Amino acid sequence: IGSQIGVGKESDVYLACDADGGEVCVKLHRLGRTSFRQLKNKATILVPDVTSTGSTLSAEREFAFLQALHSEGLPVPKPHGHNRHAVVMEFVTNSSPLNSVSSDHPDAESLYLQCRAGLERLAELGLVHGDYNEFNLLVQEPSDEGPDGKPLVRIIDLPQCISRRHPQAVEQYNRDAGCLVTFFLRKFEQLRHGWLQEREPTRLSDISGMP
């Protein structure tokens, strides 16, 4: 495990190497526990008495969602494996959280449409993200070595996803959609003149797919 690259309310994220020397991301769930950042000996991170049942279940849920959604073609990091409270997944190169992109980003419209499509595609598959905001959406800019193209929005932080049949599904979907619209209107002035209001997310009840 290498340097820390992210800190969340309930997880710490590290850059690491796989067996072949490739870069991967290791997410350590710490639901209800003291931050793993306070552990002095990283070699003890994965011993059984460090993790809690809540953290383990959170990691298992996230890995399962990553597997299912990646297989459906959603732009989530590719999952590699999990053990106890740790999930190993693709390291999304050349990316940053949506909240940190420039307010004059030339592809603001494309970013919004991708974010909206991701929210609605999750619903088509029977899921509501539950925390779909600018901190859990990564913008992956085109690689200098790769072909020219638009930036790609990647969806992260999935353990709190719920079923569309959950009693709070409509409330959480509306909150996710509202947060998305509010952020883009606040961040990107070029979207404030009616363009975005005409392209608000579809209501959950109007989205076909898995119930």
N, C-alpha and C. Protein backbone atom coordinates (compact mmCIF):
# COMPACT_ATOMS: atom_id res chain seq x y z
N ILE A 1 0.84 -1.19 0.00
CA ILE A 1 0.00 0.00 0.00
C ILE A 1 0.88 1.24 0.00
N GLY A 2 0.53 2.20 -0.86
CA GLY A 2 1.32 3.41 -0.97
C GLY A 2 0.67 4.59 -0.28
N SER A 3 0.66 5.72 -0.96
CA SER A 3 0.19 6.96 -0.35
C SER A 3 -1.33 7.02 -0.31
N GLN A 4 -1.82 7.81 0.63
CA GLN A 4 -3.26 8.03 0.75
C GLN A 4 -3.70 9.03 -0.31
N ILE A 5 -4.78 8.71 -1.03
CA ILE A 5 -5.24 9.59 -2.10
C ILE A 5 -6.65 10.10 -1.87
N GLY A 6 -7.29 9.67 -0.79
CA GLY A 6 -8.63 10.14 -0.52
C GLY A 6 -9.06 9.84 0.90
N VAL A 7 -9.90 10.72 1.44
CA VAL A 7 -10.44 10.55 2.78
C VAL A 7 -11.93 10.85 2.73
N GLY A 8 -12.73 9.93 3.22
CA GLY A 8 -14.17 10.14 3.28
C GLY A 8 -14.67 10.05 4.70
N LYS A 9 -15.98 10.26 4.85
CA LYS A 9 -16.56 10.19 6.19
C LYS A 9 -16.43 8.79 6.77
N GLU A 10 -16.47 7.78 5.90
CA GLU A 10 -16.49 6.40 6.38
C GLU A 10 -15.48 5.51 5.66
N SER A 11 -14.45 6.11 5.09
CA SER A 11 -13.44 5.30 4.40
C SER A 11 -12.17 6.10 4.19
N ASP A 12 -11.08 5.38 4.00
CA ASP A 12 -9.81 5.95 3.57
C ASP A 12 -9.40 5.24 2.29
N VAL A 13 -8.79 5.97 1.36
CA VAL A 13 -8.46 5.41 0.05
C VAL A 13 -6.96 5.55 -0.19
N TYR A 14 -6.34 4.45 -0.63
CA TYR A 14 -4.91 4.42 -0.84
C TYR A 14 -4.58 3.96 -2.26
N LEU A 15 -3.49 4.47 -2.77
CA LEU A 15 -2.92 3.95 -4.01
C LEU A 15 -2.07 2.74 -3.66
N ALA A 16 -2.15 1.70 -4.48
CA ALA A 16 -1.41 0.48 -4.20
C ALA A 16 -0.98 -0.16 -5.51
N CYS A 17 -0.19 -1.22 -5.40
CA CYS A 17 0.27 -1.97 -6.57
C CYS A 17 -0.29 -3.39 -6.50
N ASP A 18 -0.68 -3.92 -7.66
CA ASP A 18 -1.11 -5.31 -7.70
C ASP A 18 0.10 -6.22 -7.89
N ALA A 19 -0.14 -7.50 -8.05
CA ALA A 19 0.95 -8.47 -8.15
C ALA A 19 1.82 -8.25 -9.37
N ASP A 20 1.27 -7.59 -10.39
CA ASP A 20 2.03 -7.34 -11.61
C ASP A 20 2.66 -5.96 -11.64
N GLY A 21 2.53 -5.22 -10.54
CA GLY A 21 3.12 -3.89 -10.48
C GLY A 21 2.23 -2.79 -11.00
N GLY A 22 1.00 -3.12 -11.38
CA GLY A 22 0.08 -2.10 -11.86
C GLY A 22 -0.57 -1.35 -10.72
N GLU A 23 -1.00 -0.13 -10.99
CA GLU A 23 -1.63 0.70 -9.97
C GLU A 23 -3.09 0.29 -9.76
N VAL A 24 -3.47 0.17 -8.50
CA VAL A 24 -4.85 -0.09 -8.13
C VAL A 24 -5.21 0.83 -6.97
N CYS A 25 -6.48 0.87 -6.67
CA CYS A 25 -6.98 1.68 -5.57
C CYS A 25 -7.49 0.75 -4.47
N VAL A 26 -7.12 1.00 -3.23
CA VAL A 26 -7.59 0.22 -2.10
C VAL A 26 -8.43 1.12 -1.20
N LYS A 27 -9.69 0.76 -1.05
CA LYS A 27 -10.60 1.54 -0.21
C LYS A 27 -10.83 0.77 1.08
N LEU A 28 -10.50 1.39 2.20
CA LEU A 28 -10.66 0.78 3.51
C LEU A 28 -11.89 1.37 4.20
N HIS A 29 -12.91 0.57 4.33
CA HIS A 29 -14.13 1.03 4.99
C HIS A 29 -13.90 1.06 6.50
N ARG A 30 -14.34 2.12 7.14
CA ARG A 30 -14.17 2.26 8.58
C ARG A 30 -15.46 2.77 9.21
N LEU A 31 -16.53 2.12 8.87
CA LEU A 31 -17.85 2.51 9.36
C LEU A 31 -17.90 2.42 10.88
N GLY A 32 -18.07 3.57 11.52
CA GLY A 32 -18.20 3.58 12.97
C GLY A 32 -16.91 3.33 13.72
N ARG A 33 -15.78 3.41 13.04
CA ARG A 33 -14.50 3.14 13.69
C ARG A 33 -13.60 4.36 13.63
N THR A 34 -12.58 4.36 14.48
CA THR A 34 -11.55 5.39 14.40
C THR A 34 -10.85 5.28 13.06
N SER A 35 -10.53 6.41 12.46
CA SER A 35 -9.92 6.41 11.14
C SER A 35 -8.67 5.55 11.09
N PHE A 36 -8.56 4.77 10.00
CA PHE A 36 -7.36 3.96 9.81
C PHE A 36 -6.12 4.82 9.63
N ARG A 37 -6.32 6.11 9.35
CA ARG A 37 -5.17 6.99 9.20
C ARG A 37 -4.39 7.10 10.50
N GLN A 38 -5.04 6.79 11.62
CA GLN A 38 -4.38 6.92 12.91
C GLN A 38 -3.56 5.69 13.27
N LEU A 39 -3.67 4.65 12.46
CA LEU A 39 -2.88 3.45 12.74
C LEU A 39 -1.43 3.70 12.34
N LYS A 40 -0.51 3.44 13.23
CA LYS A 40 0.89 3.71 12.96
C LYS A 40 1.52 2.61 12.11
N ASN A 41 1.04 1.39 12.27
CA ASN A 41 1.65 0.27 11.57
C ASN A 41 0.72 -0.20 10.47
N LYS A 42 0.97 0.20 9.22
CA LYS A 42 0.08 -0.17 8.12
C LYS A 42 0.05 -1.67 7.89
N ALA A 43 1.07 -2.37 8.34
CA ALA A 43 1.11 -3.81 8.14
C ALA A 43 0.00 -4.51 8.91
N THR A 44 -0.59 -3.84 9.90
CA THR A 44 -1.64 -4.47 10.70
C THR A 44 -3.03 -4.12 10.21
N ILE A 45 -3.14 -3.38 9.10
CA ILE A 45 -4.45 -2.88 8.68
C ILE A 45 -5.45 -4.00 8.45
N LEU A 46 -5.01 -5.13 7.93
CA LEU A 46 -5.95 -6.16 7.54
C LEU A 46 -6.08 -7.30 8.55
N VAL A 47 -5.55 -7.16 9.75
CA VAL A 47 -5.73 -8.23 10.73
C VAL A 47 -7.16 -8.21 11.21
N PRO A 48 -7.72 -9.38 11.59
CA PRO A 48 -9.15 -9.48 11.87
C PRO A 48 -9.66 -8.54 12.95
N ASP A 49 -8.87 -8.28 14.00
CA ASP A 49 -9.42 -7.49 15.10
C ASP A 49 -9.44 -6.00 14.81
N VAL A 50 -8.96 -5.56 13.64
CA VAL A 50 -8.99 -4.14 13.31
C VAL A 50 -10.35 -3.75 12.76
N THR A 51 -10.93 -4.60 11.95
CA THR A 51 -12.16 -4.26 11.25
C THR A 51 -13.38 -4.56 12.10
N SER A 52 -14.50 -4.00 11.73
CA SER A 52 -15.75 -4.23 12.43
C SER A 52 -16.74 -4.86 11.48
N THR A 53 -17.80 -5.44 12.04
CA THR A 53 -18.82 -6.06 11.20
C THR A 53 -19.43 -5.05 10.25
N GLY A 54 -19.70 -3.83 10.73
CA GLY A 54 -20.28 -2.80 9.87
C GLY A 54 -19.38 -2.46 8.71
N SER A 55 -18.09 -2.32 8.96
CA SER A 55 -17.15 -1.99 7.89
C SER A 55 -17.05 -3.13 6.89
N THR A 56 -17.06 -4.36 7.38
CA THR A 56 -16.98 -5.51 6.48
C THR A 56 -18.21 -5.60 5.59
N LEU A 57 -19.38 -5.41 6.17
CA LEU A 57 -20.61 -5.45 5.37
C LEU A 57 -20.64 -4.32 4.35
N SER A 58 -20.15 -3.16 4.74
CA SER A 58 -20.10 -2.03 3.81
C SER A 58 -19.19 -2.34 2.62
N ALA A 59 -18.04 -2.95 2.90
CA ALA A 59 -17.12 -3.33 1.83
C ALA A 59 -17.73 -4.39 0.92
N GLU A 60 -18.40 -5.37 1.52
CA GLU A 60 -19.03 -6.42 0.72
C GLU A 60 -20.11 -5.85 -0.19
N ARG A 61 -20.89 -4.91 0.35
CA ARG A 61 -21.94 -4.28 -0.46
C ARG A 61 -21.34 -3.50 -1.62
N GLU A 62 -20.31 -2.73 -1.33
CA GLU A 62 -19.72 -1.93 -2.40
C GLU A 62 -19.12 -2.81 -3.49
N PHE A 63 -18.44 -3.87 -3.09
CA PHE A 63 -17.85 -4.76 -4.09
C PHE A 63 -18.93 -5.40 -4.95
N ALA A 64 -20.02 -5.83 -4.32
CA ALA A 64 -21.12 -6.45 -5.07
C ALA A 64 -21.74 -5.46 -6.06
N PHE A 65 -21.94 -4.22 -5.61
CA PHE A 65 -22.50 -3.21 -6.51
C PHE A 65 -21.54 -2.90 -7.66
N LEU A 66 -20.25 -2.80 -7.35
CA LEU A 66 -19.26 -2.54 -8.40
C LEU A 66 -19.28 -3.65 -9.45
N GLN A 67 -19.32 -4.90 -8.99
CA GLN A 67 -19.35 -6.02 -9.92
C GLN A 67 -20.58 -5.95 -10.82
N ALA A 68 -21.74 -5.77 -10.21
CA ALA A 68 -22.99 -5.77 -10.97
C ALA A 68 -23.05 -4.61 -11.96
N LEU A 69 -22.68 -3.43 -11.50
CA LEU A 69 -22.80 -2.24 -12.35
C LEU A 69 -21.73 -2.21 -13.43
N HIS A 70 -20.53 -2.67 -13.10
CA HIS A 70 -19.48 -2.73 -14.13
C HIS A 70 -19.87 -3.70 -15.23
N SER A 71 -20.48 -4.81 -14.85
CA SER A 71 -20.90 -5.79 -15.86
C SER A 71 -22.01 -5.26 -16.75
N GLU A 72 -22.76 -4.26 -16.25
CA GLU A 72 -23.82 -3.64 -17.03
C GLU A 72 -23.32 -2.45 -17.85
N GLY A 73 -22.03 -2.17 -17.76
CA GLY A 73 -21.46 -1.11 -18.57
C GLY A 73 -21.50 0.27 -17.96
N LEU A 74 -21.88 0.38 -16.69
CA LEU A 74 -21.87 1.69 -16.06
C LEU A 74 -20.43 2.14 -15.79
N PRO A 75 -20.19 3.44 -15.81
CA PRO A 75 -18.82 3.95 -15.65
C PRO A 75 -18.36 3.97 -14.20
N VAL A 76 -18.28 2.80 -13.60
CA VAL A 76 -17.76 2.67 -12.24
C VAL A 76 -16.36 2.06 -12.32
N PRO A 77 -15.53 2.24 -11.31
CA PRO A 77 -14.21 1.60 -11.33
C PRO A 77 -14.35 0.07 -11.42
N LYS A 78 -13.47 -0.54 -12.16
CA LYS A 78 -13.49 -2.00 -12.29
C LYS A 78 -13.08 -2.63 -10.96
N PRO A 79 -13.91 -3.52 -10.41
CA PRO A 79 -13.56 -4.16 -9.14
C PRO A 79 -12.56 -5.30 -9.34
N HIS A 80 -11.62 -5.43 -8.41
CA HIS A 80 -10.63 -6.50 -8.48
C HIS A 80 -10.80 -7.53 -7.38
N GLY A 81 -11.25 -7.12 -6.21
CA GLY A 81 -11.42 -8.07 -5.12
C GLY A 81 -11.74 -7.35 -3.82
N HIS A 82 -12.07 -8.14 -2.80
CA HIS A 82 -12.30 -7.54 -1.48
C HIS A 82 -11.93 -8.54 -0.40
N ASN A 83 -11.58 -8.04 0.76
CA ASN A 83 -11.24 -8.87 1.90
C ASN A 83 -11.54 -8.07 3.16
N ARG A 84 -12.41 -8.61 3.99
CA ARG A 84 -12.84 -7.93 5.20
C ARG A 84 -13.33 -6.52 4.88
N HIS A 85 -12.67 -5.50 5.39
CA HIS A 85 -13.15 -4.14 5.19
C HIS A 85 -12.50 -3.44 3.99
N ALA A 86 -11.72 -4.17 3.20
CA ALA A 86 -10.98 -3.57 2.08
C ALA A 86 -11.58 -3.98 0.74
N VAL A 87 -11.67 -3.00 -0.17
CA VAL A 87 -12.10 -3.25 -1.54
C VAL A 87 -10.98 -2.77 -2.47
N VAL A 88 -10.56 -3.64 -3.37
CA VAL A 88 -9.54 -3.29 -4.35
C VAL A 88 -10.22 -3.07 -5.69
N MET A 89 -9.94 -1.93 -6.29
CA MET A 89 -10.59 -1.58 -7.55
C MET A 89 -9.63 -0.82 -8.46
N GLU A 90 -10.08 -0.57 -9.65
CA GLU A 90 -9.32 0.20 -10.63
C GLU A 90 -8.94 1.57 -10.07
N PHE A 91 -7.71 1.99 -10.31
CA PHE A 91 -7.31 3.36 -10.02
C PHE A 91 -7.65 4.21 -11.24
N VAL A 92 -8.55 5.16 -11.07
CA VAL A 92 -9.01 5.98 -12.18
C VAL A 92 -7.98 7.08 -12.43
N THR A 93 -7.19 6.91 -13.46
CA THR A 93 -6.11 7.85 -13.75
C THR A 93 -6.64 9.16 -14.31
N ASN A 94 -5.83 10.20 -14.16
CA ASN A 94 -6.11 11.50 -14.77
C ASN A 94 -7.51 12.00 -14.41
N SER A 95 -7.87 11.85 -13.15
CA SER A 95 -9.23 12.22 -12.74
C SER A 95 -9.21 13.10 -11.50
N SER A 96 -10.32 13.77 -11.28
CA SER A 96 -10.51 14.59 -10.08
C SER A 96 -12.00 14.65 -9.78
N PRO A 97 -12.37 14.92 -8.53
CA PRO A 97 -13.80 15.02 -8.20
C PRO A 97 -14.47 16.14 -8.99
N LEU A 98 -15.73 15.94 -9.30
CA LEU A 98 -16.48 16.92 -10.07
C LEU A 98 -16.44 18.30 -9.42
N ASN A 99 -16.43 18.35 -8.10
CA ASN A 99 -16.48 19.65 -7.42
C ASN A 99 -15.23 20.49 -7.67
N SER A 100 -14.14 19.86 -8.11
CA SER A 100 -12.89 20.59 -8.29
C SER A 100 -12.63 21.04 -9.72
N VAL A 101 -13.52 20.70 -10.66
CA VAL A 101 -13.28 21.12 -12.04
C VAL A 101 -13.52 22.62 -12.18
N SER A 102 -12.93 23.20 -13.18
CA SER A 102 -13.03 24.64 -13.39
C SER A 102 -14.46 25.05 -13.76
N SER A 103 -14.87 26.22 -13.29
CA SER A 103 -16.22 26.71 -13.58
C SER A 103 -16.40 27.09 -15.04
N ASP A 104 -15.30 27.23 -15.78
CA ASP A 104 -15.40 27.51 -17.21
C ASP A 104 -15.00 26.29 -18.05
N HIS A 105 -15.20 25.11 -17.48
CA HIS A 105 -14.86 23.87 -18.19
C HIS A 105 -15.59 23.84 -19.53
N PRO A 106 -14.89 23.59 -20.62
CA PRO A 106 -15.52 23.66 -21.95
C PRO A 106 -16.55 22.56 -22.21
N ASP A 107 -16.54 21.51 -21.40
CA ASP A 107 -17.46 20.39 -21.62
C ASP A 107 -18.49 20.28 -20.51
N ALA A 108 -18.90 21.42 -19.94
CA ALA A 108 -19.85 21.40 -18.83
C ALA A 108 -21.16 20.71 -19.21
N GLU A 109 -21.64 20.97 -20.42
CA GLU A 109 -22.90 20.34 -20.85
C GLU A 109 -22.76 18.82 -20.91
N SER A 110 -21.65 18.36 -21.47
CA SER A 110 -21.42 16.92 -21.55
C SER A 110 -21.31 16.30 -20.16
N LEU A 111 -20.64 16.99 -19.25
CA LEU A 111 -20.50 16.48 -17.89
C LEU A 111 -21.87 16.32 -17.24
N TYR A 112 -22.72 17.33 -17.40
CA TYR A 112 -24.06 17.24 -16.79
C TYR A 112 -24.87 16.09 -17.40
N LEU A 113 -24.85 15.99 -18.72
CA LEU A 113 -25.64 14.94 -19.37
C LEU A 113 -25.16 13.55 -18.96
N GLN A 114 -23.85 13.39 -18.79
CA GLN A 114 -23.33 12.10 -18.32
C GLN A 114 -23.77 11.81 -16.89
N CYS A 115 -23.72 12.84 -16.04
CA CYS A 115 -24.15 12.66 -14.65
C CYS A 115 -25.63 12.29 -14.59
N ARG A 116 -26.44 12.98 -15.37
CA ARG A 116 -27.88 12.68 -15.40
C ARG A 116 -28.12 11.27 -15.91
N ALA A 117 -27.40 10.89 -16.96
CA ALA A 117 -27.56 9.55 -17.53
C ALA A 117 -27.18 8.47 -16.52
N GLY A 118 -26.12 8.72 -15.74
CA GLY A 118 -25.72 7.75 -14.74
C GLY A 118 -26.77 7.56 -13.66
N LEU A 119 -27.34 8.66 -13.21
CA LEU A 119 -28.40 8.61 -12.19
C LEU A 119 -29.59 7.82 -12.70
N GLU A 120 -29.99 8.10 -13.94
CA GLU A 120 -31.16 7.44 -14.51
C GLU A 120 -30.88 5.98 -14.85
N ARG A 121 -29.66 5.68 -15.29
CA ARG A 121 -29.31 4.30 -15.61
C ARG A 121 -29.30 3.44 -14.35
N LEU A 122 -28.82 3.99 -13.24
CA LEU A 122 -28.89 3.27 -11.98
C LEU A 122 -30.34 2.92 -11.65
N ALA A 123 -31.24 3.89 -11.85
CA ALA A 123 -32.65 3.64 -11.57
C ALA A 123 -33.23 2.58 -12.49
N GLU A 124 -32.82 2.57 -13.75
CA GLU A 124 -33.28 1.54 -14.68
C GLU A 124 -32.88 0.15 -14.20
N LEU A 125 -31.75 0.07 -13.51
CA LEU A 125 -31.26 -1.20 -12.99
C LEU A 125 -31.80 -1.50 -11.59
N GLY A 126 -32.70 -0.64 -11.12
CA GLY A 126 -33.36 -0.90 -9.85
C GLY A 126 -32.69 -0.32 -8.63
N LEU A 127 -31.77 0.65 -8.82
CA LEU A 127 -31.01 1.19 -7.70
C LEU A 127 -31.11 2.71 -7.61
N VAL A 128 -31.01 3.20 -6.40
CA VAL A 128 -30.86 4.63 -6.13
C VAL A 128 -29.55 4.79 -5.38
N HIS A 129 -28.69 5.69 -5.85
CA HIS A 129 -27.35 5.84 -5.28
C HIS A 129 -27.40 6.27 -3.82
N GLY A 130 -28.14 7.32 -3.52
CA GLY A 130 -28.28 7.78 -2.15
C GLY A 130 -27.28 8.82 -1.70
N ASP A 131 -26.24 9.05 -2.49
CA ASP A 131 -25.25 10.09 -2.17
C ASP A 131 -24.61 10.58 -3.46
N TYR A 132 -25.45 10.85 -4.44
CA TYR A 132 -25.02 11.18 -5.79
C TYR A 132 -24.74 12.67 -5.86
N ASN A 133 -23.49 13.04 -5.63
CA ASN A 133 -23.14 14.45 -5.59
C ASN A 133 -21.76 14.68 -6.19
N GLU A 134 -21.33 15.93 -6.17
CA GLU A 134 -20.09 16.32 -6.85
C GLU A 134 -18.84 15.72 -6.22
N PHE A 135 -18.95 15.14 -5.04
CA PHE A 135 -17.80 14.51 -4.40
C PHE A 135 -17.69 13.03 -4.76
N ASN A 136 -18.78 12.44 -5.22
CA ASN A 136 -18.80 11.02 -5.57
C ASN A 136 -18.91 10.79 -7.07
N LEU A 137 -18.57 11.82 -7.83
CA LEU A 137 -18.49 11.72 -9.29
C LEU A 137 -17.12 12.22 -9.71
N LEU A 138 -16.37 11.37 -10.38
CA LEU A 138 -15.03 11.74 -10.85
C LEU A 138 -15.09 12.14 -12.31
N VAL A 139 -14.31 13.15 -12.66
CA VAL A 139 -14.17 13.56 -14.06
C VAL A 139 -12.82 13.08 -14.55
N GLN A 140 -12.84 12.14 -15.48
CA GLN A 140 -11.60 11.59 -16.04
C GLN A 140 -11.34 12.27 -17.37
N GLU A 141 -10.32 13.11 -17.38
CA GLU A 141 -9.99 13.84 -18.60
C GLU A 141 -9.30 12.91 -19.60
N PRO A 142 -9.43 13.19 -20.90
CA PRO A 142 -8.77 12.35 -21.90
C PRO A 142 -7.27 12.32 -21.68
N SER A 143 -6.67 11.17 -21.87
CA SER A 143 -5.23 11.02 -21.70
C SER A 143 -4.48 11.71 -22.83
N ASP A 144 -3.32 12.28 -22.49
CA ASP A 144 -2.49 12.91 -23.51
C ASP A 144 -2.04 11.90 -24.56
N GLU A 145 -1.92 10.64 -24.12
CA GLU A 145 -1.46 9.61 -25.05
C GLU A 145 -2.61 8.99 -25.84
N GLY A 146 -3.83 9.21 -25.37
CA GLY A 146 -4.97 8.57 -26.00
C GLY A 146 -5.59 9.43 -27.07
N PRO A 147 -6.65 8.91 -27.70
CA PRO A 147 -7.33 9.67 -28.74
C PRO A 147 -8.08 10.85 -28.14
N ASP A 148 -8.29 11.88 -28.95
CA ASP A 148 -9.05 13.03 -28.49
C ASP A 148 -10.48 12.61 -28.18
N GLY A 149 -11.06 13.25 -27.19
CA GLY A 149 -12.43 12.92 -26.83
C GLY A 149 -12.90 13.75 -25.67
N LYS A 150 -14.12 13.50 -25.24
CA LYS A 150 -14.71 14.22 -24.13
C LYS A 150 -14.27 13.58 -22.81
N PRO A 151 -14.29 14.35 -21.73
CA PRO A 151 -14.02 13.76 -20.42
C PRO A 151 -15.12 12.78 -20.06
N LEU A 152 -14.78 11.80 -19.24
CA LEU A 152 -15.71 10.75 -18.85
C LEU A 152 -16.04 10.90 -17.37
N VAL A 153 -17.32 10.86 -17.04
CA VAL A 153 -17.75 10.90 -15.64
C VAL A 153 -17.78 9.48 -15.09
N ARG A 154 -17.11 9.26 -13.95
CA ARG A 154 -17.07 7.95 -13.30
C ARG A 154 -17.80 8.04 -11.96
N ILE A 155 -18.61 7.05 -11.67
CA ILE A 155 -19.42 7.02 -10.45
C ILE A 155 -18.70 6.21 -9.38
N ILE A 156 -18.58 6.78 -8.18
CA ILE A 156 -17.91 6.08 -7.08
C ILE A 156 -18.79 6.11 -5.83
N ASP A 157 -18.31 5.43 -4.79
CA ASP A 157 -18.92 5.42 -3.45
C ASP A 157 -20.33 4.84 -3.49
N LEU A 158 -20.41 3.51 -3.50
CA LEU A 158 -21.68 2.84 -3.75
C LEU A 158 -22.30 2.06 -2.59
N PRO A 159 -21.67 1.94 -1.42
CA PRO A 159 -22.23 1.02 -0.42
C PRO A 159 -23.60 1.41 0.10
N GLN A 160 -24.00 2.67 -0.03
CA GLN A 160 -25.29 3.10 0.51
C GLN A 160 -26.42 3.00 -0.51
N CYS A 161 -26.16 2.43 -1.69
CA CYS A 161 -27.22 2.26 -2.69
C CYS A 161 -28.40 1.48 -2.11
N ILE A 162 -29.60 1.85 -2.52
CA ILE A 162 -30.79 1.13 -2.07
C ILE A 162 -31.64 0.74 -3.28
N SER A 163 -32.54 -0.18 -3.06
CA SER A 163 -33.44 -0.64 -4.11
C SER A 163 -34.50 0.42 -4.41
N ARG A 164 -34.98 0.43 -5.64
CA ARG A 164 -36.10 1.30 -6.00
C ARG A 164 -37.35 0.97 -5.21
N ARG A 165 -37.42 -0.23 -4.65
CA ARG A 165 -38.59 -0.64 -3.87
C ARG A 165 -38.48 -0.20 -2.41
N HIS A 166 -37.36 0.36 -2.02
CA HIS A 166 -37.18 0.82 -0.65
C HIS A 166 -38.17 1.95 -0.35
N PRO A 167 -38.72 2.01 0.86
CA PRO A 167 -39.68 3.07 1.19
C PRO A 167 -39.13 4.49 1.00
N GLN A 168 -37.82 4.65 1.10
CA GLN A 168 -37.23 5.98 0.97
C GLN A 168 -36.61 6.22 -0.41
N ALA A 169 -36.87 5.32 -1.36
CA ALA A 169 -36.22 5.42 -2.66
C ALA A 169 -36.57 6.72 -3.39
N VAL A 170 -37.84 7.08 -3.42
CA VAL A 170 -38.25 8.30 -4.13
C VAL A 170 -37.62 9.52 -3.48
N GLU A 171 -37.65 9.57 -2.16
CA GLU A 171 -37.06 10.70 -1.44
C GLU A 171 -35.57 10.83 -1.74
N GLN A 172 -34.86 9.71 -1.70
CA GLN A 172 -33.42 9.77 -1.93
C GLN A 172 -33.09 10.07 -3.39
N TYR A 173 -33.88 9.52 -4.31
CA TYR A 173 -33.65 9.83 -5.72
C TYR A 173 -33.86 11.32 -5.98
N ASN A 174 -34.93 11.87 -5.42
CA ASN A 174 -35.20 13.31 -5.61
C ASN A 174 -34.08 14.16 -5.00
N ARG A 175 -33.55 13.71 -3.88
CA ARG A 175 -32.44 14.44 -3.27
C ARG A 175 -31.20 14.37 -4.16
N ASP A 176 -30.90 13.17 -4.68
CA ASP A 176 -29.76 13.02 -5.59
C ASP A 176 -29.92 13.92 -6.81
N ALA A 177 -31.11 13.89 -7.41
CA ALA A 177 -31.36 14.70 -8.61
C ALA A 177 -31.26 16.18 -8.28
N GLY A 178 -31.82 16.58 -7.14
CA GLY A 178 -31.77 17.99 -6.75
C GLY A 178 -30.37 18.48 -6.49
N CYS A 179 -29.56 17.64 -5.83
CA CYS A 179 -28.16 18.01 -5.58
C CYS A 179 -27.40 18.19 -6.88
N LEU A 180 -27.68 17.32 -7.84
CA LEU A 180 -26.99 17.39 -9.13
C LEU A 180 -27.33 18.69 -9.85
N VAL A 181 -28.60 19.01 -9.94
CA VAL A 181 -29.03 20.23 -10.63
C VAL A 181 -28.50 21.47 -9.92
N THR A 182 -28.62 21.49 -8.60
CA THR A 182 -28.16 22.64 -7.83
C THR A 182 -26.67 22.89 -8.03
N PHE A 183 -25.89 21.81 -8.00
CA PHE A 183 -24.44 21.97 -8.18
C PHE A 183 -24.12 22.56 -9.54
N PHE A 184 -24.70 22.01 -10.60
CA PHE A 184 -24.36 22.48 -11.94
C PHE A 184 -24.82 23.92 -12.17
N LEU A 185 -25.96 24.28 -11.62
CA LEU A 185 -26.42 25.67 -11.76
C LEU A 185 -25.51 26.63 -11.00
N ARG A 186 -25.04 26.20 -9.86
CA ARG A 186 -24.16 27.06 -9.06
C ARG A 186 -22.77 27.15 -9.66
N LYS A 187 -22.29 26.04 -10.21
CA LYS A 187 -20.90 25.97 -10.67
C LYS A 187 -20.69 26.57 -12.06
N PHE A 188 -21.62 26.32 -12.97
CA PHE A 188 -21.40 26.65 -14.37
C PHE A 188 -22.40 27.71 -14.84
N GLU A 189 -21.92 28.92 -14.98
CA GLU A 189 -22.79 30.03 -15.38
C GLU A 189 -23.41 29.79 -16.75
N GLN A 190 -22.68 29.10 -17.64
CA GLN A 190 -23.17 28.91 -18.99
C GLN A 190 -24.40 28.00 -19.05
N LEU A 191 -24.74 27.34 -17.94
CA LEU A 191 -25.91 26.45 -17.92
C LEU A 191 -27.12 27.09 -17.25
N ARG A 192 -27.03 28.36 -16.88
CA ARG A 192 -28.08 28.98 -16.07
C ARG A 192 -29.20 29.62 -16.88
N HIS A 193 -29.14 29.60 -18.17
CA HIS A 193 -30.09 30.37 -18.97
C HIS A 193 -31.12 29.48 -19.65
N GLY A 194 -31.65 28.54 -18.90
CA GLY A 194 -32.73 27.71 -19.39
C GLY A 194 -32.30 26.36 -19.93
N TRP A 195 -31.03 26.23 -20.32
CA TRP A 195 -30.58 24.97 -20.92
C TRP A 195 -30.75 23.81 -19.94
N LEU A 196 -30.26 23.96 -18.72
CA LEU A 196 -30.31 22.86 -17.76
C LEU A 196 -31.73 22.60 -17.29
N GLN A 197 -32.50 23.67 -17.06
CA GLN A 197 -33.86 23.49 -16.57
C GLN A 197 -34.70 22.67 -17.53
N GLU A 198 -34.36 22.70 -18.81
CA GLU A 198 -35.08 21.90 -19.81
C GLU A 198 -34.60 20.46 -19.85
N ARG A 199 -33.56 20.15 -19.07
CA ARG A 199 -32.95 18.82 -19.11
C ARG A 199 -32.79 18.25 -17.70
N GLU A 200 -33.73 18.54 -16.83
CA GLU A 200 -33.66 18.02 -15.47
C GLU A 200 -33.86 16.50 -15.48
N PRO A 201 -33.33 15.81 -14.47
CA PRO A 201 -33.46 14.35 -14.43
C PRO A 201 -34.91 13.89 -14.48
N THR A 202 -35.12 12.76 -15.11
CA THR A 202 -36.44 12.16 -15.19
C THR A 202 -36.92 11.72 -13.81
N ARG A 203 -38.19 11.89 -13.54
CA ARG A 203 -38.74 11.43 -12.26
C ARG A 203 -38.60 9.92 -12.15
N LEU A 204 -38.37 9.45 -10.93
CA LEU A 204 -38.15 8.03 -10.72
C LEU A 204 -39.34 7.21 -11.22
N SER A 205 -40.54 7.69 -11.00
CA SER A 205 -41.74 6.95 -11.41
C SER A 205 -41.87 6.84 -12.93
N ASP A 206 -41.15 7.69 -13.66
CA ASP A 206 -41.24 7.68 -15.13
C ASP A 206 -40.10 6.90 -15.77
N ILE A 207 -39.22 6.33 -14.96
CA ILE A 207 -38.09 5.57 -15.49
C ILE A 207 -38.47 4.10 -15.54
N SER A 208 -38.39 3.52 -16.72
CA SER A 208 -38.70 2.10 -16.87
C SER A 208 -37.49 1.28 -16.46
N GLY A 209 -37.70 -0.01 -16.34
CA GLY A 209 -36.60 -0.89 -15.96
C GLY A 209 -36.99 -1.75 -14.78
N MET A 210 -35.99 -2.20 -14.05
CA MET A 210 -36.23 -3.07 -12.91
C MET A 210 -36.96 -2.30 -11.82
N PRO A 211 -37.95 -2.92 -11.16
CA PRO A 211 -38.69 -2.22 -10.11
C PRO A 211 -37.85 -2.02 -8.86
